């Protein structure tokens, strides 16, 4: 007679998938809601989430290479190049060849780009306030730490 442990039986509680106990369920769903709500807010100032990400990265670094933007925006180089080109055409960014490496193109915000970032930050604060309602700074710090560990583990 064969004896299976509870975890080996296909109908056992332990063997069934419960989405609520799967961290990536929460990550994907939080990201989807965040994206939906940010798109609604950003539409008010005529930008989308991709342009917002690029603008915020250039704002953070003051001058950012296309490769740095690609890395931190988690996007592909051709996509970022197109977005940067559109933002440049809209007068929100300037691009130039790096003084230290002629192979590198860098982007900087124009005054209009800085103004757009300020508008976007005001709108994004509403989404962030809603998302983080009831969450303490310590909980936010711990969540960021755990998510950074997950990312690091997946990068290995």
N, C-alpha and C. Protein backbone atom coordinates (compact mmCIF):
# COMPACT_ATOMS: atom_id res chain seq x y z
N UNK A 1 0.84 -1.18 0.00
CA UNK A 1 0.00 0.00 0.00
C UNK A 1 0.89 1.24 0.00
N UNK A 2 0.56 2.17 -0.87
CA UNK A 2 1.36 3.37 -1.02
C UNK A 2 0.83 4.47 -0.11
N UNK A 3 1.73 5.11 0.60
CA UNK A 3 1.35 6.22 1.49
C UNK A 3 1.95 7.51 0.96
N UNK A 4 1.08 8.42 0.61
CA UNK A 4 1.52 9.74 0.15
C UNK A 4 1.37 10.73 1.29
N UNK A 5 2.33 11.60 1.38
CA UNK A 5 2.19 12.67 2.36
C UNK A 5 1.21 13.69 1.82
N UNK A 6 0.74 14.56 2.68
CA UNK A 6 -0.24 15.56 2.27
C UNK A 6 0.29 16.43 1.13
N UNK A 7 1.59 16.75 1.18
CA UNK A 7 2.13 17.62 0.15
C UNK A 7 2.30 16.92 -1.19
N UNK A 8 2.28 15.59 -1.20
CA UNK A 8 2.42 14.85 -2.45
C UNK A 8 1.09 14.57 -3.12
N UNK A 9 -0.02 14.60 -2.38
CA UNK A 9 -1.33 14.32 -2.96
C UNK A 9 -1.77 15.49 -3.81
N UNK A 10 -2.21 15.21 -5.03
CA UNK A 10 -2.60 16.30 -5.92
C UNK A 10 -3.77 17.13 -5.41
N UNK A 11 -4.61 16.56 -4.57
CA UNK A 11 -5.77 17.31 -4.09
C UNK A 11 -5.53 17.95 -2.73
N UNK A 12 -4.32 17.87 -2.22
CA UNK A 12 -4.06 18.43 -0.90
C UNK A 12 -4.00 19.95 -0.95
N UNK A 13 -4.23 20.54 0.18
CA UNK A 13 -4.17 22.00 0.30
C UNK A 13 -2.80 22.52 -0.12
N UNK A 14 -1.75 21.82 0.27
CA UNK A 14 -0.39 22.27 -0.01
C UNK A 14 -0.06 22.24 -1.49
N UNK A 15 -0.70 21.37 -2.25
CA UNK A 15 -0.36 21.24 -3.66
C UNK A 15 -1.17 22.17 -4.56
N UNK A 16 -2.22 22.75 -4.02
CA UNK A 16 -3.05 23.64 -4.83
C UNK A 16 -2.44 25.03 -4.89
N UNK A 17 -2.58 25.65 -6.03
CA UNK A 17 -2.08 27.01 -6.23
C UNK A 17 -3.10 28.00 -5.67
N UNK A 18 -2.63 28.90 -4.87
CA UNK A 18 -3.47 29.98 -4.32
C UNK A 18 -2.82 31.29 -4.72
N UNK A 19 -3.47 31.98 -5.64
CA UNK A 19 -2.88 33.21 -6.17
C UNK A 19 -2.55 34.22 -5.06
N UNK A 20 -3.36 34.24 -4.02
CA UNK A 20 -3.16 35.20 -2.94
C UNK A 20 -1.86 34.94 -2.17
N UNK A 21 -1.31 33.75 -2.31
CA UNK A 21 -0.08 33.39 -1.61
C UNK A 21 1.13 33.45 -2.54
N UNK A 22 0.94 33.92 -3.74
CA UNK A 22 1.99 33.99 -4.75
C UNK A 22 2.38 35.46 -4.92
N UNK A 23 3.56 35.85 -4.44
CA UNK A 23 3.94 37.26 -4.47
C UNK A 23 3.86 37.91 -5.85
N UNK A 24 4.16 37.17 -6.90
CA UNK A 24 4.14 37.78 -8.23
C UNK A 24 2.72 38.09 -8.70
N UNK A 25 1.73 37.41 -8.14
CA UNK A 25 0.33 37.79 -8.40
C UNK A 25 0.13 39.24 -7.97
N UNK A 26 0.61 39.55 -6.76
CA UNK A 26 0.44 40.89 -6.23
C UNK A 26 1.26 41.91 -7.01
N UNK A 27 2.49 41.56 -7.35
CA UNK A 27 3.35 42.48 -8.10
C UNK A 27 2.71 42.83 -9.44
N UNK A 28 2.25 41.83 -10.17
CA UNK A 28 1.66 42.05 -11.49
C UNK A 28 0.38 42.88 -11.38
N UNK A 29 -0.45 42.56 -10.41
CA UNK A 29 -1.72 43.28 -10.28
C UNK A 29 -1.54 44.70 -9.78
N UNK A 30 -0.61 44.91 -8.87
CA UNK A 30 -0.31 46.27 -8.42
C UNK A 30 0.21 47.09 -9.60
N UNK A 31 1.11 46.50 -10.37
CA UNK A 31 1.66 47.22 -11.53
C UNK A 31 0.56 47.55 -12.54
N UNK A 32 -0.33 46.61 -12.78
CA UNK A 32 -1.43 46.85 -13.73
C UNK A 32 -2.32 48.00 -13.26
N UNK A 33 -2.68 48.01 -11.99
CA UNK A 33 -3.53 49.09 -11.45
C UNK A 33 -2.78 50.43 -11.48
N UNK A 34 -1.52 50.39 -11.09
CA UNK A 34 -0.69 51.60 -11.12
C UNK A 34 -0.65 52.15 -12.54
N UNK A 35 -0.39 51.29 -13.51
CA UNK A 35 -0.31 51.71 -14.91
C UNK A 35 -1.61 52.33 -15.38
N UNK A 36 -2.73 51.68 -15.08
CA UNK A 36 -4.04 52.20 -15.48
C UNK A 36 -4.28 53.58 -14.89
N UNK A 37 -4.03 53.72 -13.61
CA UNK A 37 -4.32 54.99 -12.95
C UNK A 37 -3.35 56.09 -13.37
N UNK A 38 -2.09 55.74 -13.58
CA UNK A 38 -1.13 56.73 -14.04
C UNK A 38 -1.45 57.19 -15.46
N UNK A 39 -1.85 56.27 -16.32
CA UNK A 39 -2.21 56.66 -17.70
C UNK A 39 -3.36 57.66 -17.70
N UNK A 40 -4.36 57.43 -16.85
CA UNK A 40 -5.49 58.36 -16.75
C UNK A 40 -5.00 59.75 -16.31
N UNK A 41 -4.16 59.78 -15.30
CA UNK A 41 -3.65 61.06 -14.80
C UNK A 41 -2.76 61.76 -15.82
N UNK A 42 -1.84 61.01 -16.42
CA UNK A 42 -0.88 61.61 -17.35
C UNK A 42 -1.52 62.09 -18.64
N UNK A 43 -2.64 61.48 -18.99
CA UNK A 43 -3.35 61.91 -20.20
C UNK A 43 -3.77 63.38 -20.07
N UNK A 44 -3.99 63.82 -18.84
CA UNK A 44 -4.39 65.21 -18.58
C UNK A 44 -3.33 66.21 -19.03
N UNK A 45 -2.07 65.76 -19.11
CA UNK A 45 -0.98 66.65 -19.55
C UNK A 45 -0.35 66.14 -20.85
N UNK A 46 -1.08 65.31 -21.55
CA UNK A 46 -0.69 64.84 -22.88
C UNK A 46 0.62 64.06 -22.93
N UNK A 47 0.87 63.22 -21.93
CA UNK A 47 1.98 62.27 -22.02
C UNK A 47 1.49 60.90 -21.60
N UNK A 48 2.23 59.88 -22.01
CA UNK A 48 1.90 58.52 -21.60
C UNK A 48 2.94 58.05 -20.58
N UNK A 49 2.74 56.83 -20.08
CA UNK A 49 3.61 56.33 -19.03
C UNK A 49 5.05 56.14 -19.50
N UNK A 50 5.25 55.74 -20.74
CA UNK A 50 6.61 55.58 -21.26
C UNK A 50 7.35 56.91 -21.29
N UNK A 51 6.69 57.94 -21.75
CA UNK A 51 7.32 59.26 -21.77
C UNK A 51 7.57 59.76 -20.35
N UNK A 52 6.64 59.48 -19.45
CA UNK A 52 6.80 59.86 -18.05
C UNK A 52 8.06 59.22 -17.47
N UNK A 53 8.24 57.91 -17.71
CA UNK A 53 9.42 57.22 -17.18
C UNK A 53 10.70 57.86 -17.69
N UNK A 54 10.76 58.12 -18.99
CA UNK A 54 11.97 58.71 -19.56
C UNK A 54 12.20 60.10 -18.98
N UNK A 55 11.17 60.92 -18.92
CA UNK A 55 11.32 62.26 -18.35
C UNK A 55 11.81 62.20 -16.90
N UNK A 56 11.24 61.30 -16.12
CA UNK A 56 11.63 61.20 -14.71
C UNK A 56 13.07 60.72 -14.55
N UNK A 57 13.50 59.81 -15.40
CA UNK A 57 14.89 59.34 -15.32
C UNK A 57 15.87 60.44 -15.72
N UNK A 58 15.55 61.16 -16.77
CA UNK A 58 16.43 62.27 -17.18
C UNK A 58 16.43 63.34 -16.09
N UNK A 59 15.29 63.60 -15.49
CA UNK A 59 15.20 64.57 -14.39
C UNK A 59 16.08 64.12 -13.22
N UNK A 60 16.00 62.85 -12.87
CA UNK A 60 16.77 62.35 -11.73
C UNK A 60 18.28 62.47 -11.96
N UNK A 61 18.73 62.17 -13.16
CA UNK A 61 20.17 62.16 -13.43
C UNK A 61 20.67 63.46 -14.07
N UNK A 62 19.78 64.39 -14.37
CA UNK A 62 20.09 65.69 -14.99
C UNK A 62 20.58 65.55 -16.43
N UNK A 63 21.36 64.54 -16.68
CA UNK A 63 21.82 64.22 -18.02
C UNK A 63 21.93 62.69 -18.04
N UNK A 64 21.23 62.06 -18.96
CA UNK A 64 21.22 60.60 -18.97
C UNK A 64 21.48 60.08 -20.38
N UNK A 65 22.31 59.06 -20.45
CA UNK A 65 22.58 58.43 -21.74
C UNK A 65 21.38 57.56 -22.13
N UNK A 66 21.26 57.32 -23.41
CA UNK A 66 20.18 56.45 -23.89
C UNK A 66 20.31 55.07 -23.26
N UNK A 67 21.53 54.57 -23.11
CA UNK A 67 21.72 53.24 -22.52
C UNK A 67 21.30 53.22 -21.05
N UNK A 68 21.58 54.27 -20.30
CA UNK A 68 21.15 54.34 -18.90
C UNK A 68 19.63 54.38 -18.81
N UNK A 69 19.01 55.19 -19.66
CA UNK A 69 17.55 55.27 -19.67
C UNK A 69 16.97 53.89 -20.00
N UNK A 70 17.56 53.22 -20.99
CA UNK A 70 17.10 51.89 -21.39
C UNK A 70 17.16 50.92 -20.22
N UNK A 71 18.27 50.94 -19.50
CA UNK A 71 18.45 50.04 -18.36
C UNK A 71 17.42 50.30 -17.27
N UNK A 72 17.26 51.54 -16.87
CA UNK A 72 16.38 51.86 -15.75
C UNK A 72 14.91 51.91 -16.12
N UNK A 73 14.60 52.13 -17.38
CA UNK A 73 13.20 52.12 -17.82
C UNK A 73 12.75 50.70 -18.16
N UNK A 74 13.67 49.75 -18.08
CA UNK A 74 13.40 48.35 -18.41
C UNK A 74 12.71 48.29 -19.78
N UNK A 75 13.43 48.79 -20.75
CA UNK A 75 12.90 48.85 -22.10
C UNK A 75 14.01 48.51 -23.08
N UNK A 76 13.66 48.46 -24.34
CA UNK A 76 14.65 48.14 -25.37
C UNK A 76 15.20 49.43 -25.96
N UNK A 77 16.45 49.37 -26.38
CA UNK A 77 17.14 50.54 -26.92
C UNK A 77 16.36 51.21 -28.06
N UNK A 78 15.85 50.48 -29.06
CA UNK A 78 15.10 51.16 -30.12
C UNK A 78 13.85 51.89 -29.61
N UNK A 79 13.19 51.30 -28.62
CA UNK A 79 11.99 51.92 -28.05
C UNK A 79 12.36 53.22 -27.34
N UNK A 80 13.40 53.17 -26.52
CA UNK A 80 13.83 54.37 -25.79
C UNK A 80 14.30 55.44 -26.77
N UNK A 81 15.01 55.03 -27.80
CA UNK A 81 15.49 55.99 -28.80
C UNK A 81 14.31 56.71 -29.46
N UNK A 82 13.24 55.97 -29.76
CA UNK A 82 12.04 56.59 -30.36
C UNK A 82 11.37 57.55 -29.37
N UNK A 83 11.25 57.13 -28.12
CA UNK A 83 10.62 57.98 -27.10
C UNK A 83 11.43 59.26 -26.91
N UNK A 84 12.75 59.12 -26.81
CA UNK A 84 13.61 60.30 -26.64
C UNK A 84 13.46 61.22 -27.84
N UNK A 85 13.40 60.65 -29.04
CA UNK A 85 13.21 61.46 -30.24
C UNK A 85 11.90 62.23 -30.22
N UNK A 86 10.84 61.57 -29.78
CA UNK A 86 9.53 62.24 -29.70
C UNK A 86 9.54 63.35 -28.65
N UNK A 87 10.17 63.07 -27.51
CA UNK A 87 10.26 64.10 -26.47
C UNK A 87 11.11 65.28 -26.94
N UNK A 88 12.14 64.98 -27.70
CA UNK A 88 12.97 66.05 -28.29
C UNK A 88 12.14 66.87 -29.28
N UNK A 89 11.39 66.16 -30.13
CA UNK A 89 10.54 66.85 -31.11
C UNK A 89 9.47 67.71 -30.44
N UNK A 90 9.03 67.26 -29.25
CA UNK A 90 8.03 68.02 -28.49
C UNK A 90 8.65 69.18 -27.70
N UNK A 91 9.98 69.30 -27.77
CA UNK A 91 10.66 70.38 -27.07
C UNK A 91 10.88 70.13 -25.59
N UNK A 92 10.75 68.87 -25.15
CA UNK A 92 10.90 68.56 -23.73
C UNK A 92 12.31 68.10 -23.37
N UNK A 93 13.06 67.64 -24.37
CA UNK A 93 14.44 67.17 -24.17
C UNK A 93 15.33 67.74 -25.26
N UNK A 94 16.60 67.82 -24.94
CA UNK A 94 17.62 68.03 -25.97
C UNK A 94 18.52 66.80 -25.94
N UNK A 95 19.14 66.50 -27.06
CA UNK A 95 20.09 65.40 -27.10
C UNK A 95 21.40 65.91 -27.68
N UNK A 96 22.48 65.31 -27.24
CA UNK A 96 23.80 65.68 -27.75
C UNK A 96 24.76 64.51 -27.53
N UNK A 97 25.85 64.55 -28.25
CA UNK A 97 26.88 63.53 -28.11
C UNK A 97 27.65 63.82 -26.83
N UNK A 98 27.94 62.77 -26.07
CA UNK A 98 28.68 62.90 -24.83
C UNK A 98 30.07 63.49 -25.09
N UNK A 99 30.48 64.41 -24.24
CA UNK A 99 31.81 65.01 -24.37
C UNK A 99 32.91 64.00 -24.06
N UNK A 100 32.60 63.02 -23.19
CA UNK A 100 33.62 62.05 -22.80
C UNK A 100 33.65 60.80 -23.68
N UNK A 101 32.56 60.55 -24.43
CA UNK A 101 32.51 59.36 -25.29
C UNK A 101 31.63 59.67 -26.50
N UNK A 102 32.24 59.85 -27.62
CA UNK A 102 31.52 60.24 -28.83
C UNK A 102 30.52 59.22 -29.33
N UNK A 103 30.54 58.01 -28.76
CA UNK A 103 29.58 56.97 -29.16
C UNK A 103 28.27 57.07 -28.39
N UNK A 104 28.24 57.90 -27.37
CA UNK A 104 27.11 57.97 -26.44
C UNK A 104 26.28 59.22 -26.70
N UNK A 105 24.96 59.01 -26.79
CA UNK A 105 24.02 60.14 -26.89
C UNK A 105 23.41 60.36 -25.51
N UNK A 106 23.41 61.60 -25.08
CA UNK A 106 22.84 61.96 -23.79
C UNK A 106 21.62 62.85 -23.99
N UNK A 107 20.71 62.77 -23.04
CA UNK A 107 19.49 63.59 -23.06
C UNK A 107 19.47 64.48 -21.83
N UNK A 108 18.96 65.68 -22.01
CA UNK A 108 18.76 66.63 -20.92
C UNK A 108 17.40 67.27 -21.08
N UNK A 109 16.79 67.62 -19.96
CA UNK A 109 15.50 68.30 -20.00
C UNK A 109 15.67 69.76 -20.43
N UNK A 110 14.72 70.23 -21.19
CA UNK A 110 14.62 71.65 -21.50
C UNK A 110 13.79 72.30 -20.39
N UNK A 111 13.70 73.62 -20.36
CA UNK A 111 12.80 74.25 -19.39
C UNK A 111 11.36 73.74 -19.54
N UNK A 112 10.91 73.50 -20.77
CA UNK A 112 9.56 72.95 -20.97
C UNK A 112 9.48 71.53 -20.41
N UNK A 113 10.57 70.78 -20.53
CA UNK A 113 10.62 69.43 -19.96
C UNK A 113 10.56 69.45 -18.45
N UNK A 114 11.29 70.40 -17.85
CA UNK A 114 11.23 70.55 -16.38
C UNK A 114 9.82 70.90 -15.93
N UNK A 115 9.15 71.76 -16.68
CA UNK A 115 7.76 72.13 -16.35
C UNK A 115 6.84 70.92 -16.48
N UNK A 116 7.05 70.10 -17.50
CA UNK A 116 6.23 68.89 -17.69
C UNK A 116 6.47 67.90 -16.55
N UNK A 117 7.72 67.77 -16.12
CA UNK A 117 8.04 66.90 -14.99
C UNK A 117 7.31 67.39 -13.74
N UNK A 118 7.33 68.69 -13.50
CA UNK A 118 6.64 69.25 -12.32
C UNK A 118 5.15 68.93 -12.38
N UNK A 119 4.54 69.08 -13.55
CA UNK A 119 3.11 68.74 -13.70
C UNK A 119 2.89 67.25 -13.44
N UNK A 120 3.74 66.42 -14.01
CA UNK A 120 3.60 64.97 -13.86
C UNK A 120 3.78 64.54 -12.41
N UNK A 121 4.71 65.18 -11.71
CA UNK A 121 4.92 64.84 -10.30
C UNK A 121 3.69 65.15 -9.46
N UNK A 122 3.04 66.26 -9.74
CA UNK A 122 1.81 66.59 -9.01
C UNK A 122 0.74 65.52 -9.24
N UNK A 123 0.59 65.09 -10.49
CA UNK A 123 -0.42 64.07 -10.80
C UNK A 123 -0.04 62.71 -10.21
N UNK A 124 1.23 62.37 -10.28
CA UNK A 124 1.65 61.06 -9.77
C UNK A 124 1.53 60.99 -8.25
N UNK A 125 1.68 62.12 -7.58
CA UNK A 125 1.54 62.13 -6.12
C UNK A 125 0.16 61.66 -5.69
N UNK A 126 -0.86 61.96 -6.49
CA UNK A 126 -2.22 61.51 -6.16
C UNK A 126 -2.31 59.99 -6.21
N UNK A 127 -1.71 59.40 -7.23
CA UNK A 127 -1.73 57.94 -7.37
C UNK A 127 -0.92 57.31 -6.24
N UNK A 128 0.26 57.87 -5.95
CA UNK A 128 1.09 57.33 -4.88
C UNK A 128 0.39 57.44 -3.53
N UNK A 129 -0.25 58.57 -3.26
CA UNK A 129 -0.95 58.75 -1.98
C UNK A 129 -2.05 57.71 -1.83
N UNK A 130 -2.77 57.47 -2.91
CA UNK A 130 -3.83 56.47 -2.88
C UNK A 130 -3.25 55.08 -2.64
N UNK A 131 -2.18 54.75 -3.35
CA UNK A 131 -1.58 53.42 -3.24
C UNK A 131 -0.98 53.17 -1.86
N UNK A 132 -0.38 54.19 -1.27
CA UNK A 132 0.33 53.99 -0.01
C UNK A 132 -0.49 54.40 1.22
N UNK A 133 -1.79 54.63 1.03
CA UNK A 133 -2.66 54.96 2.15
C UNK A 133 -2.62 53.82 3.18
N UNK A 134 -2.35 54.16 4.42
CA UNK A 134 -2.33 53.17 5.49
C UNK A 134 -1.02 52.39 5.60
N UNK A 135 -0.05 52.72 4.78
CA UNK A 135 1.25 52.04 4.82
C UNK A 135 2.25 52.98 5.48
N UNK A 136 2.94 52.46 6.48
CA UNK A 136 3.91 53.29 7.20
C UNK A 136 5.20 53.42 6.39
N UNK A 137 5.99 54.44 6.69
CA UNK A 137 7.30 54.56 6.03
C UNK A 137 8.17 53.31 6.24
N UNK A 138 8.09 52.71 7.42
CA UNK A 138 8.87 51.50 7.69
C UNK A 138 8.40 50.34 6.80
N UNK A 139 7.10 50.21 6.62
CA UNK A 139 6.57 49.16 5.74
C UNK A 139 7.00 49.40 4.29
N UNK A 140 6.95 50.65 3.87
CA UNK A 140 7.37 50.98 2.51
C UNK A 140 8.85 50.64 2.31
N UNK A 141 9.66 50.98 3.30
CA UNK A 141 11.10 50.69 3.22
C UNK A 141 11.34 49.19 3.16
N UNK A 142 10.64 48.43 3.99
CA UNK A 142 10.79 46.97 4.00
C UNK A 142 10.34 46.38 2.66
N UNK A 143 9.22 46.86 2.12
CA UNK A 143 8.73 46.38 0.84
C UNK A 143 9.75 46.64 -0.26
N UNK A 144 10.30 47.84 -0.30
CA UNK A 144 11.32 48.17 -1.30
C UNK A 144 12.54 47.27 -1.15
N UNK A 145 12.92 46.99 0.09
CA UNK A 145 14.07 46.12 0.34
C UNK A 145 13.80 44.70 -0.18
N UNK A 146 12.65 44.15 0.15
CA UNK A 146 12.31 42.79 -0.29
C UNK A 146 12.21 42.72 -1.81
N UNK A 147 11.58 43.71 -2.43
CA UNK A 147 11.49 43.72 -3.89
C UNK A 147 12.87 43.84 -4.54
N UNK A 148 13.76 44.62 -3.93
CA UNK A 148 15.12 44.73 -4.48
C UNK A 148 15.86 43.40 -4.35
N UNK A 149 15.61 42.66 -3.28
CA UNK A 149 16.22 41.33 -3.13
C UNK A 149 15.70 40.37 -4.20
N UNK A 150 14.39 40.41 -4.45
CA UNK A 150 13.82 39.56 -5.50
C UNK A 150 14.45 39.88 -6.85
N UNK A 151 14.57 41.15 -7.15
CA UNK A 151 15.16 41.56 -8.42
C UNK A 151 16.61 41.09 -8.51
N UNK A 152 17.35 41.28 -7.44
CA UNK A 152 18.75 40.84 -7.42
C UNK A 152 18.84 39.33 -7.64
N UNK A 153 17.98 38.57 -6.97
CA UNK A 153 17.98 37.11 -7.13
C UNK A 153 17.68 36.71 -8.56
N UNK A 154 16.76 37.40 -9.20
CA UNK A 154 16.40 37.07 -10.58
C UNK A 154 17.48 37.50 -11.56
N UNK A 155 18.29 38.47 -11.19
CA UNK A 155 19.39 38.92 -12.05
C UNK A 155 20.56 37.94 -12.05
N UNK A 156 20.67 37.14 -11.00
CA UNK A 156 21.80 36.18 -10.92
C UNK A 156 21.73 35.13 -11.99
